[in-house]
């Protein structure tokens, strides 16, 4: 006899973050409060930050004390910010969509109460997603900065729209090998989750989120000989800027980032942290592709 599946976690202490400038946030909060009260759920912070804002002492202390679930109120950008907030804590994330695309969020505004009832009854699944870490390394090998991304890292020009030259390497230490050099607008290094974001717009492939891989997608390369790459998840990608007089930026999930200075490179690998997205039975990656991106949609009469 096979062992019984583990019981779903109980969500009794919730963190709640939203886009404070969104006009629908306060009415949504009024709808959420009676549901939380009915189920005896403690909400430990709410409406504190906008995505991308730094953590305040109050939220940092709350996260250290522990929450069972993070609920994000907004679009995919709010969910990405929230996911980075708790990625290394192992806290699941439930996204309620107030945005336009809502590719990563799993709950619509109309179905919010029903979805929460299913959540508290244990009628949900956790969709585990890989993350990437990027380390900014100086010419002498010192580590200056570290970031976690659920979608992608983008290395691109800051300021005016100009091309830059980049060198791509795969592997570490004596096994590190040059993939090639190219000129273009930059490069996207993405997780499978991020394959439907900026990487897709730059011509990269769509990759199912359970795949163990890293995507390397050049942005508008100045050659027809450079194409997107899909490499093993255990590989390490190093991006070395070749134009020492140009201003480059490392952007994290399209939200946060840091300037890159002369002689610095960016080392990107799969992170140990995994983001657990709350999904409900019937919600799949391919159904979302069809609904949100019109993937392989059939014309009337077929």
C-alpha atoms as a PDB file:
ATOM      1  CA  UNK A   1       0.000   0.000   0.000  1.00  0.00           C
ATOM      2  CA  UNK A   2       1.368   3.389  -0.981  1.00  0.00           C
ATOM      3  CA  UNK A   3       1.724   5.958   1.787  1.00  0.00           C
ATOM      4  CA  UNK A   4      -0.991   8.547   2.160  1.00  0.00           C
ATOM      5  CA  UNK A   5      -0.194  11.961   0.639  1.00  0.00           C
ATOM      6  CA  UNK A   6       0.953  14.581   3.141  1.00  0.00           C
ATOM      7  CA  UNK A   7      -1.771  16.741   4.615  1.00  0.00           C
ATOM      8  CA  UNK A   8      -1.923  20.248   3.152  1.00  0.00           C
ATOM      9  CA  UNK A   9      -0.436  22.960   5.338  1.00  0.00           C
ATOM     10  CA  UNK A  10      -2.813  25.052   7.394  1.00  0.00           C
ATOM     11  CA  UNK A  11      -2.722  28.721   6.541  1.00  0.00           C
ATOM     12  CA  UNK A  12      -3.344  30.545   9.789  1.00  0.00           C
ATOM     13  CA  UNK A  13      -0.910  33.459   9.607  1.00  0.00           C
ATOM     14  CA  UNK A  14      -0.969  35.373   6.344  1.00  0.00           C
ATOM     15  CA  UNK A  15       1.084  38.150   4.867  1.00  0.00           C
ATOM     16  CA  UNK A  16      -0.872  40.379   2.512  1.00  0.00           C
ATOM     17  CA  UNK A  17       0.760  42.798   0.065  1.00  0.00           C
ATOM     18  CA  UNK A  18      -0.773  44.880  -2.666  1.00  0.00           C
ATOM     19  CA  UNK A  19      -0.285  47.731  -5.061  1.00  0.00           C
ATOM     20  CA  UNK A  20      -1.254  50.594  -2.768  1.00  0.00           C
ATOM     21  CA  UNK A  21      -2.057  52.945  -5.641  1.00  0.00           C
ATOM     22  CA  UNK A  22      -4.529  50.538  -7.289  1.00  0.00           C
ATOM     23  CA  UNK A  23      -8.109  51.858  -7.010  1.00  0.00           C
ATOM     24  CA  UNK A  24      -9.512  48.341  -6.537  1.00  0.00           C
ATOM     25  CA  UNK A  25      -7.347  47.454  -3.550  1.00  0.00           C
ATOM     26  CA  UNK A  26      -9.524  48.872  -0.746  1.00  0.00           C
ATOM     27  CA  UNK A  27     -12.792  47.339  -2.046  1.00  0.00           C
ATOM     28  CA  UNK A  28     -10.992  44.017  -2.346  1.00  0.00           C
ATOM     29  CA  UNK A  29      -9.723  44.300   1.226  1.00  0.00           C
ATOM     30  CA  UNK A  30     -13.311  44.857   2.378  1.00  0.00           C
ATOM     31  CA  UNK A  31     -14.288  41.590   0.669  1.00  0.00           C
ATOM     32  CA  UNK A  32     -11.339  39.661   2.079  1.00  0.00           C
ATOM     33  CA  UNK A  33     -11.668  40.624   5.734  1.00  0.00           C
ATOM     34  CA  UNK A  34     -14.895  38.675   6.508  1.00  0.00           C
ATOM     35  CA  UNK A  35     -13.478  35.557   4.812  1.00  0.00           C
ATOM     36  CA  UNK A  36     -10.351  35.711   6.936  1.00  0.00           C
ATOM     37  CA  UNK A  37     -12.391  36.334  10.080  1.00  0.00           C
ATOM     38  CA  UNK A  38     -14.659  33.370   9.354  1.00  0.00           C
ATOM     39  CA  UNK A  39     -11.688  31.030   9.128  1.00  0.00           C
ATOM     40  CA  UNK A  40      -9.790  32.501  12.060  1.00  0.00           C
ATOM     41  CA  UNK A  41      -6.907  33.705   9.901  1.00  0.00           C
ATOM     42  CA  UNK A  42      -4.471  36.268  11.274  1.00  0.00           C
ATOM     43  CA  UNK A  43      -3.317  38.887   8.759  1.00  0.00           C
ATOM     44  CA  UNK A  44      -0.006  40.223  10.017  1.00  0.00           C
ATOM     45  CA  UNK A  45       0.688  42.960   7.501  1.00  0.00           C
ATOM     46  CA  UNK A  46      -1.214  44.515   4.666  1.00  0.00           C
ATOM     47  CA  UNK A  47      -1.014  47.388   2.200  1.00  0.00           C
ATOM     48  CA  UNK A  48       2.471  48.215   3.442  1.00  0.00           C
ATOM     49  CA  UNK A  49       4.500  48.401   0.280  1.00  0.00           C
ATOM     50  CA  UNK A  50       4.430  48.812  -3.443  1.00  0.00           C
ATOM     51  CA  UNK A  51       6.341  46.213  -5.489  1.00  0.00           C
ATOM     52  CA  UNK A  52       9.999  47.158  -5.572  1.00  0.00           C
ATOM     53  CA  UNK A  53       9.975  49.235  -2.406  1.00  0.00           C
ATOM     54  CA  UNK A  54      12.543  48.240   0.242  1.00  0.00           C
ATOM     55  CA  UNK A  55      11.484  46.279   3.283  1.00  0.00           C
ATOM     56  CA  UNK A  56      10.631  48.256   6.380  1.00  0.00           C
ATOM     57  CA  UNK A  57      11.608  47.071   9.852  1.00  0.00           C
ATOM     58  CA  UNK A  58       8.037  46.013  10.633  1.00  0.00           C
ATOM     59  CA  UNK A  59       7.787  43.632   7.688  1.00  0.00           C
ATOM     60  CA  UNK A  60      11.292  42.265   8.220  1.00  0.00           C
ATOM     61  CA  UNK A  61      10.430  41.437  11.835  1.00  0.00           C
ATOM     62  CA  UNK A  62       7.147  39.807  10.774  1.00  0.00           C
ATOM     63  CA  UNK A  63       8.864  37.608   8.206  1.00  0.00           C
ATOM     64  CA  UNK A  64      11.406  36.483  10.797  1.00  0.00           C
ATOM     65  CA  UNK A  65       8.545  35.465  13.100  1.00  0.00           C
ATOM     66  CA  UNK A  66       7.033  33.467  10.258  1.00  0.00           C
ATOM     67  CA  UNK A  67       3.988  33.472   7.998  1.00  0.00           C
ATOM     68  CA  UNK A  68       2.221  30.463   6.467  1.00  0.00           C
ATOM     69  CA  UNK A  69       1.181  32.087   3.195  1.00  0.00           C
ATOM     70  CA  UNK A  70       1.806  35.279   1.257  1.00  0.00           C
ATOM     71  CA  UNK A  71      -1.189  36.676  -0.650  1.00  0.00           C
ATOM     72  CA  UNK A  72      -0.421  39.207  -3.374  1.00  0.00           C
ATOM     73  CA  UNK A  73      -3.093  41.610  -4.612  1.00  0.00           C
ATOM     74  CA  UNK A  74      -2.262  42.951  -8.049  1.00  0.00           C
ATOM     75  CA  UNK A  75      -0.837  41.630 -11.294  1.00  0.00           C
ATOM     76  CA  UNK A  76       2.152  39.496 -12.173  1.00  0.00           C
ATOM     77  CA  UNK A  77       4.532  42.249 -11.096  1.00  0.00           C
ATOM     78  CA  UNK A  78       3.137  42.226  -7.571  1.00  0.00           C
ATOM     79  CA  UNK A  79       3.406  38.447  -7.436  1.00  0.00           C
ATOM     80  CA  UNK A  80       7.015  38.507  -8.673  1.00  0.00           C
ATOM     81  CA  UNK A  81       7.943  41.036  -6.014  1.00  0.00           C
ATOM     82  CA  UNK A  82       6.177  39.036  -3.316  1.00  0.00           C
ATOM     83  CA  UNK A  83       7.759  35.788  -4.476  1.00  0.00           C
ATOM     84  CA  UNK A  84      11.249  37.274  -4.125  1.00  0.00           C
ATOM     85  CA  UNK A  85      10.284  38.479  -0.658  1.00  0.00           C
ATOM     86  CA  UNK A  86       9.644  34.928   0.621  1.00  0.00           C
ATOM     87  CA  UNK A  87      11.487  32.694  -1.870  1.00  0.00           C
ATOM     88  CA  UNK A  88      14.230  31.700   0.551  1.00  0.00           C
ATOM     89  CA  UNK A  89      11.753  31.216   3.406  1.00  0.00           C
ATOM     90  CA  UNK A  90       9.754  28.465   1.659  1.00  0.00           C
ATOM     91  CA  UNK A  91       6.470  30.354   2.096  1.00  0.00           C
ATOM     92  CA  UNK A  92       3.797  29.579  -0.571  1.00  0.00           C
ATOM     93  CA  UNK A  93       2.408  32.458  -2.634  1.00  0.00           C
ATOM     94  CA  UNK A  94      -1.189  32.972  -3.747  1.00  0.00           C
ATOM     95  CA  UNK A  95      -1.728  35.638  -6.395  1.00  0.00           C
ATOM     96  CA  UNK A  96      -5.081  37.419  -6.742  1.00  0.00           C
ATOM     97  CA  UNK A  97      -5.172  39.221 -10.060  1.00  0.00           C
ATOM     98  CA  UNK A  98      -5.892  42.942 -10.275  1.00  0.00           C
ATOM     99  CA  UNK A  99      -3.773  43.428 -13.386  1.00  0.00           C
ATOM    100  CA  UNK A 100      -4.176  42.820 -17.104  1.00  0.00           C
ATOM    101  CA  UNK A 101      -2.237  39.658 -17.974  1.00  0.00           C
ATOM    102  CA  UNK A 102      -2.324  37.651 -14.756  1.00  0.00           C
ATOM    103  CA  UNK A 103      -0.209  34.826 -16.168  1.00  0.00           C
ATOM    104  CA  UNK A 104       1.277  33.874 -12.795  1.00  0.00           C
ATOM    105  CA  UNK A 105      -1.661  34.734 -10.554  1.00  0.00           C
ATOM    106  CA  UNK A 106      -4.222  31.973 -10.013  1.00  0.00           C
ATOM    107  CA  UNK A 107      -7.302  33.796  -8.679  1.00  0.00           C
ATOM    108  CA  UNK A 108      -9.547  36.262 -10.500  1.00  0.00           C
ATOM    109  CA  UNK A 109     -11.357  39.112  -8.832  1.00  0.00           C
ATOM    110  CA  UNK A 110     -14.750  37.535  -9.542  1.00  0.00           C
ATOM    111  CA  UNK A 111     -13.777  34.142  -8.128  1.00  0.00           C
ATOM    112  CA  UNK A 112     -11.867  35.381  -5.101  1.00  0.00           C
ATOM    113  CA  UNK A 113     -14.176  34.226  -2.301  1.00  0.00           C
ATOM    114  CA  UNK A 114     -14.709  30.768  -3.832  1.00  0.00           C
ATOM    115  CA  UNK A 115     -10.973  30.322  -4.303  1.00  0.00           C
ATOM    116  CA  UNK A 116     -10.241  31.210  -0.684  1.00  0.00           C
ATOM    117  CA  UNK A 117     -12.878  28.739   0.536  1.00  0.00           C
ATOM    118  CA  UNK A 118     -11.162  26.014  -1.517  1.00  0.00           C
ATOM    119  CA  UNK A 119      -7.806  27.099  -0.115  1.00  0.00           C
ATOM    120  CA  UNK A 120      -8.907  26.753   3.513  1.00  0.00           C
ATOM    121  CA  UNK A 121     -10.537  23.375   2.732  1.00  0.00           C
ATOM    122  CA  UNK A 122      -7.224  22.091   1.350  1.00  0.00           C
ATOM    123  CA  UNK A 123      -8.490  21.872  -2.245  1.00  0.00           C
ATOM    124  CA  UNK A 124      -5.334  23.215  -3.901  1.00  0.00           C
ATOM    125  CA  UNK A 125      -1.891  22.169  -5.116  1.00  0.00           C
ATOM    126  CA  UNK A 126       1.534  23.767  -4.779  1.00  0.00           C
ATOM    127  CA  UNK A 127       3.296  24.416  -8.071  1.00  0.00           C
ATOM    128  CA  UNK A 128       7.034  24.439  -7.385  1.00  0.00           C
ATOM    129  CA  UNK A 129       9.063  26.869  -9.519  1.00  0.00           C
ATOM    130  CA  UNK A 130      12.835  27.219  -9.785  1.00  0.00           C
ATOM    131  CA  UNK A 131      14.642  30.513  -9.238  1.00  0.00           C
ATOM    132  CA  UNK A 132      17.949  31.982 -10.350  1.00  0.00           C
ATOM    133  CA  UNK A 133      20.604  33.827  -8.398  1.00  0.00           C
ATOM    134  CA  UNK A 134      22.918  36.431  -9.887  1.00  0.00           C
ATOM    135  CA  UNK A 135      26.189  37.494  -8.308  1.00  0.00           C
ATOM    136  CA  UNK A 136      27.970  40.643  -9.435  1.00  0.00           C
ATOM    137  CA  UNK A 137      31.711  39.909  -9.442  1.00  0.00           C
ATOM    138  CA  UNK A 138      34.516  42.465  -9.666  1.00  0.00           C
ATOM    139  CA  UNK A 139      37.610  42.154 -11.843  1.00  0.00           C
ATOM    140  CA  UNK A 140      39.611  40.911  -8.848  1.00  0.00           C
ATOM    141  CA  UNK A 141      36.996  38.265  -8.003  1.00  0.00           C
ATOM    142  CA  UNK A 142      35.210  40.054  -5.153  1.00  0.00           C
ATOM    143  CA  UNK A 143      31.434  39.573  -4.806  1.00  0.00           C
ATOM    144  CA  UNK A 144      29.601  42.888  -4.627  1.00  0.00           C
ATOM    145  CA  UNK A 145      25.922  42.048  -4.953  1.00  0.00           C
ATOM    146  CA  UNK A 146      23.490  39.100  -4.996  1.00  0.00           C
ATOM    147  CA  UNK A 147      19.928  38.882  -6.304  1.00  0.00           C
ATOM    148  CA  UNK A 148      17.196  36.223  -6.613  1.00  0.00           C
ATOM    149  CA  UNK A 149      14.781  36.129  -9.581  1.00  0.00           C
ATOM    150  CA  UNK A 150      11.697  34.058 -10.326  1.00  0.00           C
ATOM    151  CA  UNK A 151      11.406  35.207 -13.951  1.00  0.00           C
ATOM    152  CA  UNK A 152      14.678  36.546 -15.267  1.00  0.00           C
ATOM    153  CA  UNK A 153      17.783  38.656 -15.133  1.00  0.00           C
ATOM    154  CA  UNK A 154      18.368  41.154 -17.937  1.00  0.00           C
ATOM    155  CA  UNK A 155      21.700  42.787 -18.675  1.00  0.00           C
ATOM    156  CA  UNK A 156      21.174  45.804 -20.893  1.00  0.00           C
ATOM    157  CA  UNK A 157      22.253  49.343 -21.640  1.00  0.00           C
ATOM    158  CA  UNK A 158      21.146  52.097 -19.338  1.00  0.00           C
ATOM    159  CA  UNK A 159      20.066  55.462 -20.688  1.00  0.00           C
ATOM    160  CA  UNK A 160      20.095  55.846 -24.489  1.00  0.00           C
ATOM    161  CA  UNK A 161      19.182  52.959 -26.793  1.00  0.00           C
ATOM    162  CA  UNK A 162      22.590  51.762 -27.976  1.00  0.00           C
ATOM    163  CA  UNK A 163      24.039  48.347 -28.641  1.00  0.00           C
ATOM    164  CA  UNK A 164      26.595  46.782 -26.344  1.00  0.00           C
ATOM    165  CA  UNK A 165      29.071  43.931 -26.728  1.00  0.00           C
ATOM    166  CA  UNK A 166      28.796  40.943 -24.399  1.00  0.00           C
ATOM    167  CA  UNK A 167      30.757  37.721 -23.913  1.00  0.00           C
ATOM    168  CA  UNK A 168      28.805  34.639 -22.791  1.00  0.00           C
ATOM    169  CA  UNK A 169      30.487  31.773 -20.937  1.00  0.00           C
ATOM    170  CA  UNK A 170      29.064  28.528 -19.549  1.00  0.00           C
ATOM    171  CA  UNK A 171      30.565  26.418 -16.764  1.00  0.00           C
ATOM    172  CA  UNK A 172      32.843  27.140 -13.828  1.00  0.00           C
ATOM    173  CA  UNK A 173      36.555  27.237 -13.103  1.00  0.00           C
ATOM    174  CA  UNK A 174      38.628  25.111 -15.499  1.00  0.00           C
ATOM    175  CA  UNK A 175      35.471  23.794 -17.213  1.00  0.00           C
ATOM    176  CA  UNK A 176      34.243  27.254 -18.141  1.00  0.00           C
ATOM    177  CA  UNK A 177      33.848  27.600 -21.887  1.00  0.00           C
ATOM    178  CA  UNK A 178      33.126  30.591 -24.064  1.00  0.00           C
ATOM    179  CA  UNK A 179      29.817  30.315 -25.903  1.00  0.00           C
ATOM    180  CA  UNK A 180      30.418  33.381 -28.011  1.00  0.00           C
ATOM    181  CA  UNK A 181      30.509  37.155 -28.257  1.00  0.00           C
ATOM    182  CA  UNK A 182      27.845  39.319 -29.795  1.00  0.00           C
ATOM    183  CA  UNK A 183      26.646  42.893 -30.097  1.00  0.00           C
ATOM    184  CA  UNK A 184      23.038  43.733 -29.303  1.00  0.00           C
ATOM    185  CA  UNK A 185      20.683  45.409 -26.875  1.00  0.00           C
ATOM    186  CA  UNK A 186      21.532  42.945 -24.101  1.00  0.00           C
ATOM    187  CA  UNK A 187      20.684  39.443 -22.947  1.00  0.00           C
ATOM    188  CA  UNK A 188      17.908  37.779 -20.927  1.00  0.00           C
ATOM    189  CA  UNK A 189      18.818  34.901 -18.596  1.00  0.00           C
ATOM    190  CA  UNK A 190      15.518  33.286 -17.621  1.00  0.00           C
ATOM    191  CA  UNK A 191      13.961  30.440 -15.674  1.00  0.00           C
ATOM    192  CA  UNK A 192      11.312  28.253 -17.347  1.00  0.00           C
ATOM    193  CA  UNK A 193       8.752  30.414 -15.522  1.00  0.00           C
ATOM    194  CA  UNK A 194      10.275  33.470 -17.183  1.00  0.00           C
ATOM    195  CA  UNK A 195      10.146  31.896 -20.639  1.00  0.00           C
ATOM    196  CA  UNK A 196       6.715  33.489 -21.172  1.00  0.00           C
ATOM    197  CA  UNK A 197       7.914  36.977 -20.159  1.00  0.00           C
ATOM    198  CA  UNK A 198      10.671  39.174 -21.635  1.00  0.00           C
ATOM    199  CA  UNK A 199      12.502  36.169 -23.083  1.00  0.00           C
ATOM    200  CA  UNK A 200       9.446  35.312 -25.195  1.00  0.00           C
ATOM    201  CA  UNK A 201       9.223  38.888 -26.497  1.00  0.00           C
ATOM    202  CA  UNK A 202      12.912  38.699 -27.431  1.00  0.00           C
ATOM    203  CA  UNK A 203      12.328  35.544 -29.503  1.00  0.00           C
ATOM    204  CA  UNK A 204      13.031  32.863 -26.901  1.00  0.00           C
ATOM    205  CA  UNK A 205      11.153  29.539 -26.648  1.00  0.00           C
ATOM    206  CA  UNK A 206       8.246  28.707 -24.368  1.00  0.00           C
ATOM    207  CA  UNK A 207       9.401  26.165 -21.791  1.00  0.00           C
ATOM    208  CA  UNK A 208       7.174  24.174 -19.435  1.00  0.00           C
ATOM    209  CA  UNK A 209       7.900  25.296 -15.852  1.00  0.00           C
ATOM    210  CA  UNK A 210       8.824  21.812 -14.611  1.00  0.00           C
ATOM    211  CA  UNK A 211      11.791  21.609 -17.002  1.00  0.00           C
ATOM    212  CA  UNK A 212      15.229  21.769 -15.432  1.00  0.00           C
ATOM    213  CA  UNK A 213      16.944  24.381 -17.584  1.00  0.00           C
ATOM    214  CA  UNK A 214      18.130  27.962 -17.972  1.00  0.00           C
ATOM    215  CA  UNK A 215      17.289  30.121 -20.995  1.00  0.00           C
ATOM    216  CA  UNK A 216      19.804  32.482 -22.587  1.00  0.00           C
ATOM    217  CA  UNK A 217      18.071  34.871 -25.002  1.00  0.00           C
ATOM    218  CA  UNK A 218      20.024  37.653 -26.749  1.00  0.00           C
ATOM    219  CA  UNK A 219      18.050  40.881 -27.225  1.00  0.00           C
ATOM    220  CA  UNK A 220      18.102  42.198 -30.795  1.00  0.00           C
ATOM    221  CA  UNK A 221      21.542  40.760 -31.676  1.00  0.00           C
ATOM    222  CA  UNK A 222      23.412  42.480 -34.515  1.00  0.00           C
ATOM    223  CA  UNK A 223      23.944  39.198 -36.325  1.00  0.00           C
ATOM    224  CA  UNK A 224      21.789  36.390 -37.732  1.00  0.00           C
ATOM    225  CA  UNK A 225      24.200  33.812 -36.280  1.00  0.00           C
ATOM    226  CA  UNK A 226      23.118  34.251 -32.643  1.00  0.00           C
ATOM    227  CA  UNK A 227      20.044  32.371 -31.438  1.00  0.00           C
ATOM    228  CA  UNK A 228      18.502  31.647 -28.024  1.00  0.00           C
ATOM    229  CA  UNK A 229      20.041  28.833 -25.992  1.00  0.00           C
ATOM    230  CA  UNK A 230      18.501  26.349 -23.562  1.00  0.00           C
ATOM    231  CA  UNK A 231      21.102  24.897 -21.205  1.00  0.00           C
ATOM    232  CA  UNK A 232      21.051  22.465 -18.280  1.00  0.00           C
ATOM    233  CA  UNK A 233      19.821  23.836 -14.965  1.00  0.00           C
ATOM    234  CA  UNK A 234      23.074  22.860 -13.240  1.00  0.00           C
ATOM    235  CA  UNK A 235      25.184  25.019 -15.529  1.00  0.00           C
ATOM    236  CA  UNK A 236      26.535  28.441 -14.609  1.00  0.00           C
ATOM    237  CA  UNK A 237      26.254  31.366 -17.030  1.00  0.00           C
ATOM    238  CA  UNK A 238      28.726  34.256 -16.879  1.00  0.00           C
ATOM    239  CA  UNK A 239      28.057  37.476 -18.774  1.00  0.00           C
ATOM    240  CA  UNK A 240      31.130  39.655 -19.326  1.00  0.00           C
ATOM    241  CA  UNK A 241      30.644  43.195 -20.707  1.00  0.00           C
ATOM    242  CA  UNK A 242      33.239  44.000 -23.367  1.00  0.00           C
ATOM    243  CA  UNK A 243      32.583  47.738 -23.720  1.00  0.00           C
ATOM    244  CA  UNK A 244      34.318  49.209 -20.719  1.00  0.00           C
ATOM    245  CA  UNK A 245      33.068  52.728 -21.391  1.00  0.00           C
ATOM    246  CA  UNK A 246      29.366  51.864 -21.516  1.00  0.00           C
ATOM    247  CA  UNK A 247      26.748  51.999 -18.772  1.00  0.00           C
ATOM    248  CA  UNK A 248      25.108  48.615 -18.170  1.00  0.00           C
ATOM    249  CA  UNK A 249      22.322  47.637 -15.798  1.00  0.00           C
ATOM    250  CA  UNK A 250      21.381  44.289 -14.251  1.00  0.00           C
ATOM    251  CA  UNK A 251      17.585  44.165 -13.888  1.00  0.00           C
ATOM    252  CA  UNK A 252      15.814  41.616 -11.658  1.00  0.00           C
ATOM    253  CA  UNK A 253      12.343  40.443 -12.776  1.00  0.00           C
ATOM    254  CA  UNK A 254      11.909  43.775 -14.550  1.00  0.00           C
ATOM    255  CA  UNK A 255      11.687  45.569 -11.188  1.00  0.00           C
ATOM    256  CA  UNK A 256      14.835  45.889  -9.098  1.00  0.00           C
ATOM    257  CA  UNK A 257      18.429  46.061 -10.237  1.00  0.00           C
ATOM    258  CA  UNK A 258      21.882  47.525 -10.003  1.00  0.00           C
ATOM    259  CA  UNK A 259      24.356  49.381 -12.216  1.00  0.00           C
ATOM    260  CA  UNK A 260      27.347  47.430 -13.478  1.00  0.00           C
ATOM    261  CA  UNK A 261      30.726  49.119 -13.222  1.00  0.00           C
ATOM    262  CA  UNK A 262      33.884  48.772 -15.262  1.00  0.00           C
ATOM    263  CA  UNK A 263      35.486  45.349 -14.985  1.00  0.00           C
ATOM    264  CA  UNK A 264      32.478  43.666 -13.382  1.00  0.00           C
ATOM    265  CA  UNK A 265      30.749  40.535 -14.681  1.00  0.00           C
ATOM    266  CA  UNK A 266      27.542  38.735 -13.702  1.00  0.00           C
ATOM    267  CA  UNK A 267      27.533  35.063 -12.679  1.00  0.00           C
ATOM    268  CA  UNK A 268      24.092  33.432 -12.874  1.00  0.00           C
ATOM    269  CA  UNK A 269      23.083  29.969 -11.704  1.00  0.00           C
ATOM    270  CA  UNK A 270      20.028  28.141 -10.411  1.00  0.00           C
ATOM    271  CA  UNK A 271      19.313  29.097  -6.809  1.00  0.00           C
ATOM    272  CA  UNK A 272      18.516  26.655  -4.024  1.00  0.00           C
ATOM    273  CA  UNK A 273      15.252  28.482  -3.296  1.00  0.00           C
ATOM    274  CA  UNK A 274      12.041  27.358  -4.966  1.00  0.00           C
ATOM    275  CA  UNK A 275       8.829  29.371  -5.112  1.00  0.00           C
ATOM    276  CA  UNK A 276       5.631  27.469  -4.275  1.00  0.00           C
ATOM    277  CA  UNK A 277       2.727  28.972  -6.213  1.00  0.00           C
ATOM    278  CA  UNK A 278      -0.765  28.053  -5.056  1.00  0.00           C
ATOM    279  CA  UNK A 279      -2.840  26.519  -7.841  1.00  0.00           C
ATOM    280  CA  UNK A 280      -6.304  24.955  -7.906  1.00  0.00           C
ATOM    281  CA  UNK A 281      -7.345  21.702  -9.630  1.00  0.00           C
ATOM    282  CA  UNK A 282      -7.922  22.318 -13.326  1.00  0.00           C
ATOM    283  CA  UNK A 283      -5.363  25.125 -13.553  1.00  0.00           C
ATOM    284  CA  UNK A 284      -2.452  23.974 -15.702  1.00  0.00           C
ATOM    285  CA  UNK A 285       0.407  25.622 -17.552  1.00  0.00           C
ATOM    286  CA  UNK A 286      -1.074  24.770 -20.941  1.00  0.00           C
ATOM    287  CA  UNK A 287      -4.581  25.942 -20.069  1.00  0.00           C
ATOM    288  CA  UNK A 288      -3.031  29.244 -18.999  1.00  0.00           C
ATOM    289  CA  UNK A 289      -1.125  29.440 -22.301  1.00  0.00           C
ATOM    290  CA  UNK A 290      -4.357  29.049 -24.217  1.00  0.00           C
ATOM    291  CA  UNK A 291      -6.286  31.558 -22.110  1.00  0.00           C
ATOM    292  CA  UNK A 292      -3.665  34.262 -21.614  1.00  0.00           C
ATOM    293  CA  UNK A 293      -1.457  34.038 -24.724  1.00  0.00           C
ATOM    294  CA  UNK A 294      -3.961  32.551 -27.194  1.00  0.00           C
ATOM    295  CA  UNK A 295      -1.516  29.675 -27.754  1.00  0.00           C
ATOM    296  CA  UNK A 296      -2.633  27.496 -30.702  1.00  0.00           C
ATOM    297  CA  UNK A 297      -6.109  28.958 -30.472  1.00  0.00           C
ATOM    298  CA  UNK A 298      -8.503  27.518 -33.003  1.00  0.00           C
ATOM    299  CA  UNK A 299     -10.505  29.621 -35.402  1.00  0.00           C
ATOM    300  CA  UNK A 300     -14.279  29.332 -35.395  1.00  0.00           C
ATOM    301  CA  UNK A 301     -15.509  26.289 -37.257  1.00  0.00           C
ATOM    302  CA  UNK A 302     -12.434  24.089 -36.639  1.00  0.00           C
END
